[in-house]
Amino acid sequence: MNQHELSDDEEKKSGSNSSLSSDEALSAEDFETSARAMGRTITVKVTKRDIALQKMLFAALEYSYQSENGFEKYLKGIVEIPDRYLRNARNMPEISPMAGFYLSEEKISYINLQSRKEGNVSDWKIIVRKVLLQIYGATIGHYAAKGTRGQQPAINRLLFKGLFARAYRASMENLNPKDFIKYINKCA
C-alpha cells in the first residue's frame, strides 16, 4: 500500500469525509501508474528542491486535514444557544443594557443573590461562572472566551459582551478585559 492512501478501515477510523467513494479512490497500483504517467508530462527539469517543496506542501495538507478532522470531536459537545437567549421576550431582561443577550428574571435574581458579598457588593467572578453554567452547562469545557485557545470555539459574542459589561459594573469598574478573559477560560 502506498503511503499516500488509507485502507478502508483506516479511512473509517479517521472519520474522513472524503468526497471520493471507495470505488473512486486510487488503488496502490493505479496510484503508481498515474504517478508515472503524470511524471512523463513534466517537461521541465525537476530538482531536489522541487521535490522538497512538494513534500512540504503535502505535509501542510496532511496537517490541515488532521486539524479539521480533530476539530470534529469538539463539535460533539458544542451547544447551540437557544433563540430565547437572543430575543427580547416577556420576563427576559438583558444581562446588561444593550447586550442583546437575555436571561429570565428569575435566573438573574438568583445569580445576583448568589453573587452578593459583604457590603451589598456583587462578586463578578460568581456572576460570570453562574451565567456560563446556566447557558452552557457541563459543556462549558468545550469553549474558550474568544476562541483563540487551542481548537475550542468562542462563547457567544453577545454573551461575552453583555457578561463583560455586567461583570465590569459588579467589580465597581475595576475589571480589565484580560482578567475577564482569563477567568472565562478558567471556568471552561
N, C-alpha and C. Protein backbone atom coordinates (compact mmCIF):
# COMPACT_ATOMS: atom_id res chain seq x y z
N MET A 1 0.85 -1.19 0.00
CA MET A 1 0.00 0.00 0.00
C MET A 1 0.88 1.23 0.00
N ASN A 2 0.49 2.20 -0.75
CA ASN A 2 1.24 3.45 -0.87
C ASN A 2 1.02 4.31 0.37
N GLN A 3 2.02 5.10 0.73
CA GLN A 3 1.91 5.96 1.91
C GLN A 3 0.87 7.05 1.76
N HIS A 4 0.44 7.31 0.53
CA HIS A 4 -0.48 8.41 0.29
C HIS A 4 -1.94 8.00 0.30
N GLU A 5 -2.23 6.73 0.57
CA GLU A 5 -3.62 6.33 0.63
C GLU A 5 -3.89 5.55 1.90
N LEU A 6 -5.12 5.57 2.32
CA LEU A 6 -5.54 4.87 3.52
C LEU A 6 -6.34 3.65 3.13
N SER A 7 -6.22 2.59 3.91
CA SER A 7 -7.09 1.44 3.69
C SER A 7 -8.50 1.85 4.07
N ASP A 8 -9.48 1.04 3.67
CA ASP A 8 -10.87 1.37 4.01
C ASP A 8 -11.07 1.44 5.52
N ASP A 9 -10.41 0.53 6.26
CA ASP A 9 -10.53 0.54 7.72
C ASP A 9 -9.95 1.81 8.31
N GLU A 10 -8.77 2.22 7.82
CA GLU A 10 -8.14 3.44 8.33
C GLU A 10 -8.98 4.66 8.00
N GLU A 11 -9.59 4.66 6.82
CA GLU A 11 -10.44 5.77 6.40
C GLU A 11 -11.64 5.90 7.34
N LYS A 12 -12.24 4.76 7.71
CA LYS A 12 -13.39 4.78 8.62
C LYS A 12 -12.98 5.23 10.00
N LYS A 13 -11.83 4.75 10.49
CA LYS A 13 -11.35 5.14 11.82
C LYS A 13 -11.05 6.62 11.90
N SER A 14 -10.52 7.18 10.82
CA SER A 14 -10.16 8.60 10.84
C SER A 14 -11.39 9.48 10.73
N GLY A 15 -12.53 8.89 10.38
CA GLY A 15 -13.75 9.69 10.28
C GLY A 15 -13.72 10.60 9.08
N SER A 16 -13.02 10.19 8.04
CA SER A 16 -12.84 11.04 6.88
C SER A 16 -14.16 11.34 6.20
N ASN A 17 -14.28 12.55 5.72
CA ASN A 17 -15.42 12.95 4.93
C ASN A 17 -14.99 13.13 3.49
N SER A 18 -14.10 12.28 3.04
CA SER A 18 -13.54 12.39 1.70
C SER A 18 -14.65 12.39 0.67
N SER A 19 -14.49 13.18 -0.37
CA SER A 19 -15.50 13.24 -1.40
C SER A 19 -15.37 12.07 -2.36
N LEU A 20 -14.29 11.30 -2.30
CA LEU A 20 -14.13 10.15 -3.16
C LEU A 20 -14.76 8.93 -2.51
N SER A 21 -15.54 8.18 -3.27
CA SER A 21 -16.06 6.92 -2.75
C SER A 21 -14.95 5.89 -2.83
N SER A 22 -15.16 4.72 -2.24
CA SER A 22 -14.12 3.69 -2.27
C SER A 22 -13.87 3.23 -3.70
N ASP A 23 -14.89 3.32 -4.58
CA ASP A 23 -14.69 2.95 -5.98
C ASP A 23 -13.81 3.96 -6.70
N GLU A 24 -13.89 5.23 -6.30
CA GLU A 24 -13.13 6.28 -6.96
C GLU A 24 -11.72 6.42 -6.42
N ALA A 25 -11.46 5.95 -5.22
CA ALA A 25 -10.13 6.08 -4.61
C ALA A 25 -9.13 5.27 -5.41
N LEU A 26 -7.93 5.77 -5.49
CA LEU A 26 -6.88 5.09 -6.25
C LEU A 26 -6.32 3.92 -5.46
N SER A 27 -6.20 2.79 -6.13
CA SER A 27 -5.50 1.68 -5.50
C SER A 27 -4.01 1.97 -5.60
N ALA A 28 -3.21 1.19 -4.90
CA ALA A 28 -1.75 1.40 -4.92
C ALA A 28 -1.22 1.25 -6.34
N GLU A 29 -1.73 0.28 -7.06
CA GLU A 29 -1.28 0.05 -8.43
C GLU A 29 -1.67 1.21 -9.34
N ASP A 30 -2.93 1.65 -9.22
CA ASP A 30 -3.39 2.78 -10.03
C ASP A 30 -2.63 4.05 -9.68
N PHE A 31 -2.31 4.22 -8.40
CA PHE A 31 -1.58 5.39 -7.97
C PHE A 31 -0.21 5.43 -8.64
N GLU A 32 0.50 4.31 -8.61
CA GLU A 32 1.84 4.25 -9.23
C GLU A 32 1.74 4.48 -10.73
N THR A 33 0.76 3.88 -11.38
CA THR A 33 0.58 4.06 -12.83
C THR A 33 0.30 5.52 -13.15
N SER A 34 -0.61 6.12 -12.37
CA SER A 34 -0.94 7.53 -12.58
C SER A 34 0.27 8.43 -12.33
N ALA A 35 1.02 8.13 -11.28
CA ALA A 35 2.20 8.93 -10.97
C ALA A 35 3.21 8.87 -12.11
N ARG A 36 3.44 7.69 -12.65
CA ARG A 36 4.39 7.56 -13.78
C ARG A 36 3.88 8.33 -14.99
N ALA A 37 2.59 8.20 -15.29
CA ALA A 37 2.02 8.89 -16.46
C ALA A 37 2.12 10.39 -16.29
N MET A 38 1.82 10.88 -15.11
CA MET A 38 1.92 12.32 -14.87
C MET A 38 3.38 12.77 -14.91
N GLY A 39 4.27 11.94 -14.43
CA GLY A 39 5.70 12.27 -14.45
C GLY A 39 6.23 12.47 -15.84
N ARG A 40 5.69 11.70 -16.80
CA ARG A 40 6.13 11.84 -18.20
C ARG A 40 5.65 13.14 -18.82
N THR A 41 4.62 13.76 -18.24
CA THR A 41 4.10 15.00 -18.82
C THR A 41 4.87 16.23 -18.35
N ILE A 42 5.73 16.06 -17.36
CA ILE A 42 6.50 17.19 -16.86
C ILE A 42 7.66 17.44 -17.81
N THR A 43 7.68 18.62 -18.39
CA THR A 43 8.68 18.92 -19.41
C THR A 43 9.85 19.75 -18.89
N VAL A 44 9.81 20.17 -17.64
CA VAL A 44 10.90 20.96 -17.08
C VAL A 44 11.76 20.05 -16.20
N LYS A 45 12.96 20.51 -15.93
CA LYS A 45 13.85 19.73 -15.09
C LYS A 45 13.37 19.84 -13.63
N VAL A 46 13.21 18.70 -12.99
CA VAL A 46 12.78 18.65 -11.60
C VAL A 46 14.01 18.51 -10.72
N THR A 47 14.10 19.38 -9.73
CA THR A 47 15.25 19.36 -8.83
C THR A 47 14.84 18.79 -7.48
N LYS A 48 15.82 18.51 -6.64
CA LYS A 48 15.55 18.04 -5.28
C LYS A 48 14.77 19.09 -4.51
N ARG A 49 15.05 20.34 -4.81
CA ARG A 49 14.34 21.43 -4.15
C ARG A 49 12.85 21.40 -4.49
N ASP A 50 12.53 21.09 -5.75
CA ASP A 50 11.13 20.98 -6.17
C ASP A 50 10.43 19.86 -5.42
N ILE A 51 11.12 18.75 -5.28
CA ILE A 51 10.55 17.61 -4.57
C ILE A 51 10.35 17.96 -3.09
N ALA A 52 11.33 18.63 -2.50
CA ALA A 52 11.22 19.03 -1.09
C ALA A 52 10.03 19.97 -0.90
N LEU A 53 9.85 20.89 -1.83
CA LEU A 53 8.72 21.82 -1.74
C LEU A 53 7.39 21.08 -1.82
N GLN A 54 7.31 20.10 -2.72
CA GLN A 54 6.07 19.32 -2.84
C GLN A 54 5.81 18.49 -1.58
N LYS A 55 6.88 17.96 -0.99
CA LYS A 55 6.72 17.20 0.26
C LYS A 55 6.22 18.12 1.38
N MET A 56 6.76 19.34 1.40
CA MET A 56 6.32 20.30 2.40
C MET A 56 4.84 20.65 2.18
N LEU A 57 4.46 20.82 0.94
CA LEU A 57 3.06 21.10 0.61
C LEU A 57 2.18 19.94 1.05
N PHE A 58 2.61 18.73 0.78
CA PHE A 58 1.86 17.55 1.18
C PHE A 58 1.73 17.49 2.71
N ALA A 59 2.81 17.78 3.41
CA ALA A 59 2.78 17.77 4.87
C ALA A 59 1.79 18.82 5.39
N ALA A 60 1.76 19.98 4.73
CA ALA A 60 0.81 21.03 5.13
C ALA A 60 -0.62 20.58 4.89
N LEU A 61 -0.86 19.90 3.79
CA LEU A 61 -2.20 19.37 3.51
C LEU A 61 -2.60 18.33 4.55
N GLU A 62 -1.68 17.46 4.90
CA GLU A 62 -1.97 16.45 5.93
C GLU A 62 -2.27 17.12 7.27
N TYR A 63 -1.48 18.13 7.62
CA TYR A 63 -1.70 18.85 8.88
C TYR A 63 -3.08 19.51 8.88
N SER A 64 -3.43 20.15 7.77
CA SER A 64 -4.73 20.81 7.66
C SER A 64 -5.86 19.78 7.79
N TYR A 65 -5.70 18.66 7.14
CA TYR A 65 -6.70 17.59 7.21
C TYR A 65 -6.85 17.10 8.65
N GLN A 66 -5.74 16.85 9.32
CA GLN A 66 -5.79 16.38 10.71
C GLN A 66 -6.42 17.43 11.62
N SER A 67 -6.09 18.69 11.39
CA SER A 67 -6.66 19.77 12.21
C SER A 67 -8.17 19.83 12.05
N GLU A 68 -8.63 19.76 10.81
CA GLU A 68 -10.07 19.83 10.56
C GLU A 68 -10.79 18.64 11.15
N ASN A 69 -10.24 17.46 10.99
CA ASN A 69 -10.90 16.27 11.50
C ASN A 69 -10.77 16.16 13.01
N GLY A 70 -9.69 16.68 13.57
CA GLY A 70 -9.54 16.68 15.02
C GLY A 70 -10.54 17.61 15.66
N PHE A 71 -10.91 18.68 14.97
CA PHE A 71 -11.86 19.66 15.49
C PHE A 71 -13.25 19.06 15.63
N GLU A 72 -13.58 18.08 14.78
CA GLU A 72 -14.91 17.49 14.80
C GLU A 72 -15.25 16.85 16.14
N LYS A 73 -14.24 16.31 16.84
CA LYS A 73 -14.54 15.68 18.12
C LYS A 73 -15.02 16.70 19.14
N TYR A 74 -14.59 17.97 18.99
CA TYR A 74 -15.06 19.00 19.90
C TYR A 74 -16.49 19.42 19.57
N LEU A 75 -16.86 19.31 18.31
CA LEU A 75 -18.19 19.75 17.90
C LEU A 75 -19.29 18.90 18.53
N LYS A 76 -18.97 17.67 18.91
CA LYS A 76 -19.97 16.80 19.52
C LYS A 76 -20.48 17.38 20.83
N GLY A 77 -19.64 18.13 21.55
CA GLY A 77 -20.05 18.69 22.83
C GLY A 77 -20.51 20.13 22.73
N ILE A 78 -20.58 20.68 21.53
CA ILE A 78 -20.95 22.08 21.36
C ILE A 78 -22.46 22.24 21.50
N VAL A 79 -22.86 23.27 22.22
CA VAL A 79 -24.27 23.56 22.45
C VAL A 79 -24.65 24.76 21.60
N GLU A 80 -25.71 24.60 20.84
CA GLU A 80 -26.23 25.76 20.11
C GLU A 80 -27.12 26.54 21.07
N ILE A 81 -26.90 27.82 21.14
CA ILE A 81 -27.63 28.66 22.08
C ILE A 81 -29.08 28.79 21.60
N PRO A 82 -30.03 28.45 22.47
CA PRO A 82 -31.44 28.59 22.08
C PRO A 82 -31.79 30.05 21.77
N ASP A 83 -32.72 30.23 20.86
CA ASP A 83 -33.15 31.57 20.45
C ASP A 83 -33.68 32.41 21.60
N ARG A 84 -34.24 31.77 22.62
CA ARG A 84 -34.84 32.53 23.72
C ARG A 84 -33.82 33.42 24.41
N TYR A 85 -32.53 33.06 24.34
CA TYR A 85 -31.48 33.88 24.95
C TYR A 85 -31.09 35.07 24.06
N LEU A 86 -31.51 35.03 22.81
CA LEU A 86 -31.10 36.05 21.85
C LEU A 86 -32.23 36.99 21.44
N ARG A 87 -33.42 36.77 22.00
CA ARG A 87 -34.57 37.61 21.67
C ARG A 87 -35.15 38.25 22.91
N ASN A 88 -35.62 39.46 22.74
CA ASN A 88 -36.30 40.15 23.83
C ASN A 88 -37.67 39.52 23.99
N ALA A 89 -37.97 39.09 25.19
CA ALA A 89 -39.27 38.48 25.46
C ALA A 89 -39.73 38.91 26.85
N ARG A 90 -40.97 38.62 27.12
CA ARG A 90 -41.54 38.97 28.42
C ARG A 90 -40.78 38.22 29.52
N ASN A 91 -40.45 38.92 30.59
CA ASN A 91 -39.72 38.37 31.74
C ASN A 91 -38.32 37.89 31.37
N MET A 92 -37.76 38.43 30.30
CA MET A 92 -36.40 38.07 29.88
C MET A 92 -35.60 39.35 29.64
N PRO A 93 -35.11 39.98 30.71
CA PRO A 93 -34.31 41.20 30.52
C PRO A 93 -32.90 40.86 30.02
N GLU A 94 -32.25 41.87 29.46
CA GLU A 94 -30.87 41.70 29.01
C GLU A 94 -29.96 41.52 30.23
N ILE A 95 -28.88 40.77 30.05
CA ILE A 95 -27.97 40.59 31.18
C ILE A 95 -27.23 41.89 31.48
N SER A 96 -27.16 42.75 30.50
CA SER A 96 -26.58 44.08 30.66
C SER A 96 -27.20 44.95 29.57
N PRO A 97 -27.44 46.24 29.83
CA PRO A 97 -28.07 47.09 28.82
C PRO A 97 -27.33 47.06 27.48
N MET A 98 -28.10 46.93 26.42
CA MET A 98 -27.60 46.94 25.04
C MET A 98 -26.75 45.71 24.71
N ALA A 99 -26.85 44.66 25.48
CA ALA A 99 -26.04 43.47 25.23
C ALA A 99 -26.63 42.58 24.14
N GLY A 100 -27.94 42.51 24.07
CA GLY A 100 -28.57 41.63 23.09
C GLY A 100 -28.60 40.18 23.53
N PHE A 101 -28.35 39.94 24.81
CA PHE A 101 -28.39 38.58 25.35
C PHE A 101 -29.30 38.61 26.57
N TYR A 102 -30.27 37.70 26.62
CA TYR A 102 -31.33 37.76 27.61
C TYR A 102 -31.36 36.52 28.50
N LEU A 103 -31.69 36.73 29.77
CA LEU A 103 -31.90 35.65 30.73
C LEU A 103 -33.22 35.93 31.45
N SER A 104 -33.82 34.91 31.99
CA SER A 104 -35.07 35.11 32.71
C SER A 104 -34.82 35.94 33.97
N GLU A 105 -35.84 36.67 34.38
CA GLU A 105 -35.73 37.49 35.59
C GLU A 105 -35.37 36.63 36.79
N GLU A 106 -35.94 35.43 36.86
CA GLU A 106 -35.67 34.53 37.98
C GLU A 106 -34.19 34.14 38.03
N LYS A 107 -33.64 33.83 36.88
CA LYS A 107 -32.22 33.43 36.83
C LYS A 107 -31.31 34.59 37.20
N ILE A 108 -31.63 35.77 36.69
CA ILE A 108 -30.82 36.95 37.01
C ILE A 108 -30.90 37.25 38.50
N SER A 109 -32.10 37.16 39.07
CA SER A 109 -32.26 37.41 40.51
C SER A 109 -31.48 36.38 41.32
N TYR A 110 -31.57 35.12 40.93
CA TYR A 110 -30.85 34.06 41.63
C TYR A 110 -29.34 34.28 41.56
N ILE A 111 -28.85 34.61 40.38
CA ILE A 111 -27.41 34.85 40.20
C ILE A 111 -26.96 36.07 41.02
N ASN A 112 -27.76 37.12 41.01
CA ASN A 112 -27.43 38.30 41.81
C ASN A 112 -27.39 37.97 43.30
N LEU A 113 -28.34 37.18 43.74
CA LEU A 113 -28.39 36.78 45.15
C LEU A 113 -27.16 35.93 45.51
N GLN A 114 -26.79 35.01 44.65
CA GLN A 114 -25.64 34.14 44.89
C GLN A 114 -24.32 34.91 44.86
N SER A 115 -24.29 36.00 44.14
CA SER A 115 -23.02 36.73 43.97
C SER A 115 -22.80 37.82 45.02
N ARG A 116 -23.76 38.04 45.91
CA ARG A 116 -23.63 39.11 46.91
C ARG A 116 -22.55 38.79 47.92
N LYS A 117 -21.74 39.80 48.20
CA LYS A 117 -20.71 39.72 49.23
C LYS A 117 -21.06 40.74 50.32
N GLU A 118 -20.15 40.91 51.24
CA GLU A 118 -20.35 41.92 52.28
C GLU A 118 -20.51 43.30 51.66
N GLY A 119 -21.30 44.13 52.30
CA GLY A 119 -21.49 45.49 51.82
C GLY A 119 -22.38 45.58 50.60
N ASN A 120 -23.18 44.53 50.34
CA ASN A 120 -24.10 44.51 49.22
C ASN A 120 -23.40 44.71 47.87
N VAL A 121 -22.18 44.20 47.76
CA VAL A 121 -21.39 44.28 46.53
C VAL A 121 -21.41 42.90 45.87
N SER A 122 -21.50 42.85 44.55
CA SER A 122 -21.52 41.58 43.83
C SER A 122 -20.11 41.14 43.48
N ASP A 123 -19.90 39.83 43.52
CA ASP A 123 -18.62 39.24 43.09
C ASP A 123 -18.74 38.90 41.61
N TRP A 124 -18.02 39.63 40.79
CA TRP A 124 -18.14 39.45 39.34
C TRP A 124 -17.79 38.03 38.90
N LYS A 125 -16.88 37.37 39.61
CA LYS A 125 -16.50 36.00 39.23
C LYS A 125 -17.66 35.03 39.40
N ILE A 126 -18.42 35.19 40.46
CA ILE A 126 -19.58 34.32 40.67
C ILE A 126 -20.62 34.56 39.59
N ILE A 127 -20.82 35.83 39.24
CA ILE A 127 -21.78 36.17 38.18
C ILE A 127 -21.38 35.48 36.88
N VAL A 128 -20.12 35.62 36.51
CA VAL A 128 -19.63 35.04 35.25
C VAL A 128 -19.81 33.52 35.26
N ARG A 129 -19.35 32.87 36.32
CA ARG A 129 -19.43 31.41 36.40
C ARG A 129 -20.87 30.93 36.35
N LYS A 130 -21.76 31.55 37.11
CA LYS A 130 -23.17 31.12 37.16
C LYS A 130 -23.86 31.31 35.81
N VAL A 131 -23.60 32.43 35.14
CA VAL A 131 -24.22 32.66 33.84
C VAL A 131 -23.69 31.65 32.82
N LEU A 132 -22.39 31.42 32.80
CA LEU A 132 -21.83 30.44 31.86
C LEU A 132 -22.42 29.05 32.09
N LEU A 133 -22.53 28.66 33.35
CA LEU A 133 -23.11 27.35 33.66
C LEU A 133 -24.59 27.29 33.29
N GLN A 134 -25.28 28.40 33.46
CA GLN A 134 -26.69 28.46 33.08
C GLN A 134 -26.86 28.24 31.57
N ILE A 135 -26.00 28.85 30.79
CA ILE A 135 -26.13 28.78 29.33
C ILE A 135 -25.55 27.49 28.78
N TYR A 136 -24.33 27.16 29.18
CA TYR A 136 -23.60 26.04 28.56
C TYR A 136 -23.61 24.76 29.39
N GLY A 137 -23.92 24.84 30.66
CA GLY A 137 -23.94 23.65 31.50
C GLY A 137 -22.59 22.96 31.53
N ALA A 138 -22.61 21.65 31.52
CA ALA A 138 -21.38 20.86 31.61
C ALA A 138 -20.51 20.98 30.37
N THR A 139 -21.06 21.49 29.27
CA THR A 139 -20.27 21.60 28.04
C THR A 139 -19.37 22.84 28.02
N ILE A 140 -19.39 23.63 29.08
CA ILE A 140 -18.57 24.85 29.10
C ILE A 140 -17.10 24.53 28.86
N GLY A 141 -16.67 23.34 29.20
CA GLY A 141 -15.28 22.94 28.99
C GLY A 141 -14.88 22.86 27.53
N HIS A 142 -15.85 22.87 26.63
CA HIS A 142 -15.57 22.82 25.20
C HIS A 142 -15.36 24.21 24.59
N TYR A 143 -15.44 25.25 25.41
CA TYR A 143 -15.39 26.62 24.92
C TYR A 143 -14.21 27.40 25.49
N ALA A 144 -13.93 28.50 24.85
CA ALA A 144 -12.95 29.46 25.34
C ALA A 144 -13.60 30.84 25.25
N ALA A 145 -13.02 31.81 25.92
CA ALA A 145 -13.61 33.15 25.94
C ALA A 145 -13.72 33.72 24.53
N LYS A 146 -12.65 33.66 23.77
CA LYS A 146 -12.65 34.28 22.44
C LYS A 146 -12.38 33.29 21.32
N GLY A 147 -12.23 32.01 21.65
CA GLY A 147 -11.99 31.00 20.62
C GLY A 147 -10.56 30.95 20.15
N THR A 148 -9.64 31.57 20.88
CA THR A 148 -8.24 31.59 20.46
C THR A 148 -7.40 30.59 21.24
N ARG A 149 -8.03 29.82 22.11
CA ARG A 149 -7.31 28.87 22.94
C ARG A 149 -7.47 27.48 22.32
N GLY A 150 -6.43 26.99 21.69
CA GLY A 150 -6.50 25.67 21.07
C GLY A 150 -7.54 25.65 19.97
N GLN A 151 -8.31 24.59 19.95
CA GLN A 151 -9.35 24.44 18.93
C GLN A 151 -10.73 24.66 19.51
N GLN A 152 -10.82 25.28 20.66
CA GLN A 152 -12.11 25.50 21.30
C GLN A 152 -12.79 26.72 20.71
N PRO A 153 -14.07 26.59 20.38
CA PRO A 153 -14.79 27.74 19.85
C PRO A 153 -15.06 28.77 20.95
N ALA A 154 -15.34 29.97 20.53
CA ALA A 154 -15.63 31.06 21.47
C ALA A 154 -17.05 30.93 22.01
N ILE A 155 -17.25 31.47 23.21
CA ILE A 155 -18.62 31.57 23.71
C ILE A 155 -19.34 32.58 22.82
N ASN A 156 -20.64 32.59 22.88
CA ASN A 156 -21.43 33.51 22.07
C ASN A 156 -20.93 34.94 22.27
N ARG A 157 -20.74 35.67 21.17
CA ARG A 157 -20.15 37.01 21.26
C ARG A 157 -21.05 38.01 21.98
N LEU A 158 -22.37 37.86 21.83
CA LEU A 158 -23.29 38.74 22.55
C LEU A 158 -23.23 38.46 24.05
N LEU A 159 -23.12 37.18 24.39
CA LEU A 159 -22.97 36.81 25.80
C LEU A 159 -21.67 37.37 26.35
N PHE A 160 -20.61 37.25 25.59
CA PHE A 160 -19.31 37.76 26.03
C PHE A 160 -19.39 39.25 26.32
N LYS A 161 -19.95 39.99 25.38
CA LYS A 161 -20.06 41.45 25.51
C LYS A 161 -20.94 41.83 26.71
N GLY A 162 -22.11 41.22 26.82
CA GLY A 162 -23.03 41.53 27.91
C GLY A 162 -22.51 41.10 29.27
N LEU A 163 -21.86 39.95 29.29
CA LEU A 163 -21.32 39.45 30.55
C LEU A 163 -20.16 40.31 31.02
N PHE A 164 -19.35 40.78 30.07
CA PHE A 164 -18.25 41.68 30.47
C PHE A 164 -18.81 42.97 31.06
N ALA A 165 -19.82 43.54 30.41
CA ALA A 165 -20.42 44.79 30.92
C ALA A 165 -21.00 44.58 32.31
N ARG A 166 -21.67 43.45 32.51
CA ARG A 166 -22.26 43.14 33.83
C ARG A 166 -21.17 42.94 34.88
N ALA A 167 -20.13 42.19 34.53
CA ALA A 167 -19.02 41.94 35.46
C ALA A 167 -18.27 43.24 35.76
N TYR A 168 -18.14 44.10 34.76
CA TYR A 168 -17.45 45.38 34.94
C TYR A 168 -18.18 46.25 35.96
N ARG A 169 -19.51 46.30 35.83
CA ARG A 169 -20.30 47.06 36.80
C ARG A 169 -20.21 46.44 38.19
N ALA A 170 -20.27 45.12 38.26
CA ALA A 170 -20.21 44.43 39.56
C ALA A 170 -18.86 44.62 40.24
N SER A 171 -17.81 44.81 39.44
CA SER A 171 -16.47 44.99 40.01
C SER A 171 -16.21 46.44 40.39
N MET A 172 -17.24 47.27 40.32
CA MET A 172 -17.11 48.71 40.60
C MET A 172 -16.15 49.34 39.58
N GLU A 173 -16.27 48.92 38.34
CA GLU A 173 -15.47 49.42 37.22
C GLU A 173 -13.98 49.22 37.44
N ASN A 174 -13.66 48.09 38.02
CA ASN A 174 -12.27 47.78 38.33
C ASN A 174 -11.89 46.43 37.72
N LEU A 175 -12.33 46.17 36.51
CA LEU A 175 -12.07 44.89 35.85
C LEU A 175 -11.46 45.17 34.49
N ASN A 176 -10.32 44.54 34.21
CA ASN A 176 -9.76 44.71 32.87
C ASN A 176 -10.10 43.49 32.02
N PRO A 177 -10.17 43.67 30.71
CA PRO A 177 -10.58 42.58 29.82
C PRO A 177 -9.70 41.34 29.93
N LYS A 178 -8.42 41.50 30.16
CA LYS A 178 -7.53 40.34 30.25
C LYS A 178 -7.92 39.44 31.41
N ASP A 179 -8.24 40.04 32.57
CA ASP A 179 -8.65 39.25 33.73
C ASP A 179 -9.98 38.54 33.46
N PHE A 180 -10.86 39.24 32.77
CA PHE A 180 -12.17 38.67 32.43
C PHE A 180 -11.99 37.45 31.52
N ILE A 181 -11.21 37.61 30.48
CA ILE A 181 -10.95 36.51 29.53
C ILE A 181 -10.28 35.34 30.24
N LYS A 182 -9.31 35.64 31.05
CA LYS A 182 -8.60 34.61 31.80
C LYS A 182 -9.56 33.82 32.70
N TYR A 183 -10.48 34.52 33.33
CA TYR A 183 -11.42 33.85 34.22
C TYR A 183 -12.40 32.98 33.44
N ILE A 184 -12.88 33.47 32.31
CA ILE A 184 -13.78 32.64 31.49
C ILE A 184 -13.05 31.37 31.07
N ASN A 185 -11.81 31.51 30.62
CA ASN A 185 -11.05 30.32 30.21
C ASN A 185 -10.80 29.38 31.39
N LYS A 186 -10.69 29.92 32.56
CA LYS A 186 -10.52 29.09 33.76
C LYS A 186 -11.82 28.33 34.04
N CYS A 187 -12.95 28.99 33.86
CA CYS A 187 -14.24 28.32 34.05
C CYS A 187 -14.42 27.21 33.03
N ALA A 188 -13.91 27.45 31.84
CA ALA A 188 -14.03 26.46 30.76
C ALA A 188 -12.99 25.44 30.89
